[in-house]
Amino acid sequence: MAQKFIITRRGILRMGNVAMHRDLLQTGDVCMGGGFYQFDPIGTRLLLSGSSYDFGAPMWDWLMDSGQTLKVPHAYQGLRVVYTPDDPDAEPLGISEMFQIEAI
């Protein structure tokens, strides 16, 4: 079990402590990638990283191009969301700055 997340085609950030990323899918979901998460209480950040073994890395570009609002769980409202890719040369992405965030 690990703290994993997925992003759905509707822009929903779904998170949970699961064995497989696919365990986070609900009926009708189309997954646009995923990875791992952790909460940084000192920096008030939600740290996303890596990629899903089931679905690959999050398709942030697709979500942005489709004009999706990123829907995050209500418990994480107000946190700065940062994604760090697997590539050690890549810069972290300020997801909170890239997307309009909606708490659900």
N, C-alpha and C. Protein backbone atom coordinates (compact mmCIF):
# COMPACT_ATOMS: atom_id res chain seq x y z
N MET A 1 0.85 -1.18 0.00
CA MET A 1 0.00 0.00 0.00
C MET A 1 0.89 1.24 0.00
N ALA A 2 0.44 2.24 -0.73
CA ALA A 2 1.19 3.49 -0.82
C ALA A 2 0.21 4.63 -1.08
N GLN A 3 0.64 5.84 -0.78
CA GLN A 3 -0.17 7.03 -1.04
C GLN A 3 -0.06 7.36 -2.53
N LYS A 4 -1.13 7.07 -3.27
CA LYS A 4 -1.12 7.24 -4.72
C LYS A 4 -2.23 8.18 -5.14
N PHE A 5 -2.05 8.77 -6.34
CA PHE A 5 -3.09 9.63 -6.90
C PHE A 5 -3.27 9.32 -8.38
N ILE A 6 -4.44 9.66 -8.88
CA ILE A 6 -4.72 9.65 -10.32
C ILE A 6 -5.41 10.97 -10.66
N ILE A 7 -5.38 11.30 -11.94
CA ILE A 7 -6.12 12.43 -12.48
C ILE A 7 -7.09 11.85 -13.50
N THR A 8 -8.35 12.21 -13.41
CA THR A 8 -9.33 11.70 -14.37
C THR A 8 -9.52 12.70 -15.51
N ARG A 9 -10.14 12.24 -16.57
CA ARG A 9 -10.39 13.09 -17.74
C ARG A 9 -11.25 14.30 -17.37
N ARG A 10 -12.05 14.17 -16.32
CA ARG A 10 -12.88 15.29 -15.86
C ARG A 10 -12.12 16.23 -14.94
N GLY A 11 -10.82 15.98 -14.74
CA GLY A 11 -9.99 16.87 -13.93
C GLY A 11 -10.03 16.58 -12.44
N ILE A 12 -10.51 15.42 -12.06
CA ILE A 12 -10.59 15.08 -10.64
C ILE A 12 -9.28 14.46 -10.18
N LEU A 13 -8.72 15.03 -9.12
CA LEU A 13 -7.54 14.48 -8.46
C LEU A 13 -8.06 13.53 -7.38
N ARG A 14 -7.87 12.24 -7.60
CA ARG A 14 -8.35 11.24 -6.64
C ARG A 14 -7.14 10.62 -5.95
N MET A 15 -7.19 10.57 -4.63
CA MET A 15 -6.03 10.12 -3.85
C MET A 15 -6.46 9.04 -2.87
N GLY A 16 -5.49 8.17 -2.53
CA GLY A 16 -5.78 7.16 -1.53
C GLY A 16 -4.57 6.31 -1.23
N ASN A 17 -4.65 5.57 -0.15
CA ASN A 17 -3.61 4.63 0.24
C ASN A 17 -4.01 3.27 -0.32
N VAL A 18 -3.49 2.95 -1.51
CA VAL A 18 -3.93 1.78 -2.26
C VAL A 18 -2.74 0.97 -2.75
N ALA A 19 -3.01 -0.26 -3.16
CA ALA A 19 -1.97 -1.11 -3.72
C ALA A 19 -1.66 -0.71 -5.17
N MET A 20 -2.71 -0.49 -5.95
CA MET A 20 -2.55 -0.18 -7.37
C MET A 20 -3.31 1.11 -7.70
N HIS A 21 -2.77 1.87 -8.63
CA HIS A 21 -3.44 3.11 -9.04
C HIS A 21 -4.86 2.83 -9.54
N ARG A 22 -5.04 1.73 -10.23
CA ARG A 22 -6.37 1.42 -10.78
C ARG A 22 -7.42 1.24 -9.68
N ASP A 23 -6.98 1.00 -8.44
CA ASP A 23 -7.92 0.88 -7.32
C ASP A 23 -8.61 2.21 -7.02
N LEU A 24 -8.08 3.31 -7.53
CA LEU A 24 -8.68 4.63 -7.31
C LEU A 24 -9.77 4.97 -8.32
N LEU A 25 -9.85 4.20 -9.41
CA LEU A 25 -10.85 4.47 -10.45
C LEU A 25 -12.25 4.17 -9.95
N GLN A 26 -13.19 4.99 -10.38
CA GLN A 26 -14.60 4.74 -10.14
C GLN A 26 -15.27 4.47 -11.48
N THR A 27 -16.45 3.90 -11.45
CA THR A 27 -17.18 3.57 -12.67
C THR A 27 -17.29 4.80 -13.57
N GLY A 28 -16.91 4.63 -14.83
CA GLY A 28 -17.00 5.71 -15.80
C GLY A 28 -15.77 6.60 -15.89
N ASP A 29 -14.81 6.44 -14.96
CA ASP A 29 -13.59 7.24 -15.00
C ASP A 29 -12.70 6.85 -16.17
N VAL A 30 -12.04 7.85 -16.74
CA VAL A 30 -10.95 7.64 -17.68
C VAL A 30 -9.74 8.28 -17.05
N CYS A 31 -8.69 7.49 -16.83
CA CYS A 31 -7.51 7.98 -16.13
C CYS A 31 -6.54 8.67 -17.09
N MET A 32 -6.05 9.82 -16.66
CA MET A 32 -5.09 10.60 -17.43
C MET A 32 -3.72 10.60 -16.74
N GLY A 33 -3.40 9.49 -16.07
CA GLY A 33 -2.11 9.35 -15.41
C GLY A 33 -2.21 9.52 -13.91
N GLY A 34 -1.10 9.27 -13.26
CA GLY A 34 -1.08 9.37 -11.81
C GLY A 34 0.33 9.30 -11.27
N GLY A 35 0.44 9.09 -9.99
CA GLY A 35 1.74 9.02 -9.33
C GLY A 35 1.55 8.86 -7.84
N PHE A 36 2.40 9.50 -7.08
CA PHE A 36 2.42 9.37 -5.62
C PHE A 36 2.23 10.74 -4.99
N TYR A 37 1.74 10.76 -3.76
CA TYR A 37 1.53 12.04 -3.09
C TYR A 37 1.99 11.97 -1.64
N GLN A 38 2.27 13.14 -1.11
CA GLN A 38 2.49 13.30 0.32
C GLN A 38 2.10 14.72 0.70
N PHE A 39 1.75 14.88 1.94
CA PHE A 39 1.32 16.17 2.48
C PHE A 39 2.49 16.79 3.22
N ASP A 40 2.76 18.05 2.92
CA ASP A 40 3.82 18.80 3.60
C ASP A 40 3.14 19.83 4.51
N PRO A 41 2.94 19.50 5.80
CA PRO A 41 2.21 20.42 6.68
C PRO A 41 2.98 21.70 6.98
N ILE A 42 4.29 21.64 6.99
CA ILE A 42 5.09 22.83 7.29
C ILE A 42 5.02 23.82 6.14
N GLY A 43 5.17 23.31 4.92
CA GLY A 43 5.11 24.17 3.74
C GLY A 43 3.70 24.36 3.20
N THR A 44 2.71 23.77 3.86
CA THR A 44 1.30 23.77 3.41
C THR A 44 1.20 23.46 1.92
N ARG A 45 1.81 22.33 1.57
CA ARG A 45 1.81 21.90 0.16
C ARG A 45 1.32 20.46 0.05
N LEU A 46 0.73 20.16 -1.09
CA LEU A 46 0.42 18.80 -1.50
C LEU A 46 1.45 18.46 -2.56
N LEU A 47 2.34 17.53 -2.24
CA LEU A 47 3.44 17.17 -3.14
C LEU A 47 3.07 15.94 -3.95
N LEU A 48 2.99 16.11 -5.25
CA LEU A 48 2.72 15.01 -6.19
C LEU A 48 4.02 14.68 -6.90
N SER A 49 4.22 13.40 -7.19
CA SER A 49 5.48 13.02 -7.86
C SER A 49 5.31 11.73 -8.64
N GLY A 50 6.29 11.50 -9.52
CA GLY A 50 6.40 10.22 -10.21
C GLY A 50 5.33 9.95 -11.23
N SER A 51 5.12 8.65 -11.45
CA SER A 51 4.13 8.22 -12.42
C SER A 51 3.49 6.92 -11.96
N SER A 52 2.35 6.64 -12.54
CA SER A 52 1.59 5.44 -12.23
C SER A 52 2.14 4.26 -13.01
N TYR A 53 2.26 3.12 -12.35
CA TYR A 53 2.64 1.90 -13.06
C TYR A 53 1.52 1.46 -13.99
N ASP A 54 0.28 1.80 -13.63
CA ASP A 54 -0.87 1.40 -14.43
C ASP A 54 -1.16 2.34 -15.59
N PHE A 55 -0.96 3.67 -15.37
CA PHE A 55 -1.44 4.67 -16.33
C PHE A 55 -0.39 5.66 -16.81
N GLY A 56 0.82 5.60 -16.31
CA GLY A 56 1.86 6.54 -16.71
C GLY A 56 1.81 7.85 -15.93
N ALA A 57 2.60 8.80 -16.38
CA ALA A 57 2.68 10.11 -15.73
C ALA A 57 1.41 10.92 -15.99
N PRO A 58 1.08 11.85 -15.10
CA PRO A 58 -0.10 12.69 -15.32
C PRO A 58 0.02 13.49 -16.62
N MET A 59 -1.06 13.55 -17.35
CA MET A 59 -1.10 14.28 -18.62
C MET A 59 -1.55 15.71 -18.37
N TRP A 60 -0.71 16.48 -17.70
CA TRP A 60 -1.05 17.87 -17.35
C TRP A 60 -1.34 18.69 -18.59
N ASP A 61 -0.56 18.49 -19.66
CA ASP A 61 -0.76 19.27 -20.89
C ASP A 61 -2.15 19.03 -21.47
N TRP A 62 -2.57 17.78 -21.49
CA TRP A 62 -3.90 17.46 -22.03
C TRP A 62 -4.97 18.16 -21.20
N LEU A 63 -4.84 18.07 -19.87
CA LEU A 63 -5.83 18.71 -19.01
C LEU A 63 -5.86 20.22 -19.22
N MET A 64 -4.70 20.82 -19.37
CA MET A 64 -4.63 22.26 -19.58
C MET A 64 -5.25 22.63 -20.93
N ASP A 65 -4.90 21.88 -21.98
CA ASP A 65 -5.44 22.17 -23.31
C ASP A 65 -6.95 21.99 -23.37
N SER A 66 -7.49 21.08 -22.55
CA SER A 66 -8.93 20.83 -22.56
C SER A 66 -9.68 21.85 -21.69
N GLY A 67 -8.94 22.73 -21.00
CA GLY A 67 -9.57 23.76 -20.19
C GLY A 67 -10.17 23.25 -18.89
N GLN A 68 -9.71 22.11 -18.42
CA GLN A 68 -10.26 21.53 -17.20
C GLN A 68 -9.88 22.33 -15.95
N THR A 69 -10.80 22.41 -15.03
CA THR A 69 -10.51 22.87 -13.68
C THR A 69 -10.01 21.65 -12.92
N LEU A 70 -8.96 21.79 -12.13
CA LEU A 70 -8.47 20.68 -11.32
C LEU A 70 -9.30 20.61 -10.05
N LYS A 71 -9.95 19.49 -9.85
CA LYS A 71 -10.83 19.30 -8.70
C LYS A 71 -10.10 18.48 -7.64
N VAL A 72 -9.81 19.12 -6.52
CA VAL A 72 -9.05 18.45 -5.45
C VAL A 72 -9.97 18.16 -4.27
N PRO A 73 -9.65 17.14 -3.48
CA PRO A 73 -10.47 16.85 -2.31
C PRO A 73 -10.53 18.07 -1.38
N HIS A 74 -11.70 18.29 -0.82
CA HIS A 74 -11.95 19.44 0.04
C HIS A 74 -10.92 19.56 1.16
N ALA A 75 -10.46 18.44 1.69
CA ALA A 75 -9.49 18.44 2.80
C ALA A 75 -8.18 19.12 2.42
N TYR A 76 -7.89 19.23 1.13
CA TYR A 76 -6.62 19.82 0.66
C TYR A 76 -6.81 21.21 0.09
N GLN A 77 -7.98 21.79 0.28
CA GLN A 77 -8.27 23.13 -0.21
C GLN A 77 -7.29 24.13 0.40
N GLY A 78 -6.76 25.01 -0.43
CA GLY A 78 -5.85 26.05 0.04
C GLY A 78 -4.39 25.66 0.05
N LEU A 79 -4.09 24.39 -0.18
CA LEU A 79 -2.69 23.97 -0.23
C LEU A 79 -2.10 24.28 -1.59
N ARG A 80 -0.84 24.57 -1.62
CA ARG A 80 -0.12 24.72 -2.90
C ARG A 80 0.17 23.32 -3.41
N VAL A 81 -0.21 23.04 -4.65
CA VAL A 81 -0.01 21.73 -5.26
C VAL A 81 1.20 21.81 -6.18
N VAL A 82 2.17 20.91 -5.96
CA VAL A 82 3.41 20.87 -6.74
C VAL A 82 3.61 19.45 -7.25
N TYR A 83 3.95 19.32 -8.53
CA TYR A 83 4.24 18.01 -9.13
C TYR A 83 5.71 17.96 -9.54
N THR A 84 6.40 16.89 -9.11
CA THR A 84 7.79 16.66 -9.49
C THR A 84 7.84 15.40 -10.36
N PRO A 85 8.25 15.54 -11.63
CA PRO A 85 8.32 14.37 -12.51
C PRO A 85 9.48 13.44 -12.14
N ASP A 86 9.47 12.25 -12.73
CA ASP A 86 10.54 11.28 -12.52
C ASP A 86 11.88 11.76 -13.05
N ASP A 87 11.85 12.56 -14.11
CA ASP A 87 13.07 13.05 -14.75
C ASP A 87 13.84 13.96 -13.80
N PRO A 88 15.06 13.57 -13.40
CA PRO A 88 15.81 14.38 -12.44
C PRO A 88 16.20 15.76 -12.99
N ASP A 89 16.18 15.94 -14.30
CA ASP A 89 16.53 17.23 -14.90
C ASP A 89 15.32 18.16 -15.04
N ALA A 90 14.14 17.63 -14.82
CA ALA A 90 12.93 18.43 -14.99
C ALA A 90 12.65 19.27 -13.74
N GLU A 91 12.13 20.45 -13.97
CA GLU A 91 11.76 21.35 -12.88
C GLU A 91 10.39 20.93 -12.32
N PRO A 92 10.17 21.09 -11.03
CA PRO A 92 8.84 20.85 -10.47
C PRO A 92 7.82 21.81 -11.10
N LEU A 93 6.59 21.34 -11.23
CA LEU A 93 5.52 22.14 -11.82
C LEU A 93 4.63 22.70 -10.72
N GLY A 94 4.37 23.96 -10.76
CA GLY A 94 3.44 24.59 -9.82
C GLY A 94 2.02 24.39 -10.32
N ILE A 95 1.43 23.26 -9.99
CA ILE A 95 0.10 22.91 -10.48
C ILE A 95 -0.94 23.93 -10.03
N SER A 96 -0.80 24.44 -8.81
CA SER A 96 -1.74 25.46 -8.32
C SER A 96 -1.73 26.71 -9.18
N GLU A 97 -0.60 27.02 -9.77
CA GLU A 97 -0.49 28.19 -10.63
C GLU A 97 -0.93 27.89 -12.07
N MET A 98 -0.89 26.63 -12.46
CA MET A 98 -1.22 26.25 -13.83
C MET A 98 -2.74 26.10 -14.06
N PHE A 99 -3.45 25.68 -13.01
CA PHE A 99 -4.85 25.36 -13.13
C PHE A 99 -5.69 26.17 -12.16
N GLN A 100 -6.93 26.38 -12.55
CA GLN A 100 -7.92 26.86 -11.59
C GLN A 100 -8.24 25.64 -10.72
N ILE A 101 -8.24 25.82 -9.39
CA ILE A 101 -8.46 24.73 -8.45
C ILE A 101 -9.87 24.85 -7.87
N GLU A 102 -10.57 23.72 -7.84
CA GLU A 102 -11.90 23.66 -7.24
C GLU A 102 -11.89 22.57 -6.17
N ALA A 103 -12.37 22.86 -4.99
CA ALA A 103 -12.46 21.87 -3.92
C ALA A 103 -13.77 21.10 -4.06
N ILE A 104 -13.68 19.78 -3.99
CA ILE A 104 -14.90 18.95 -4.08
C ILE A 104 -15.00 18.05 -2.85
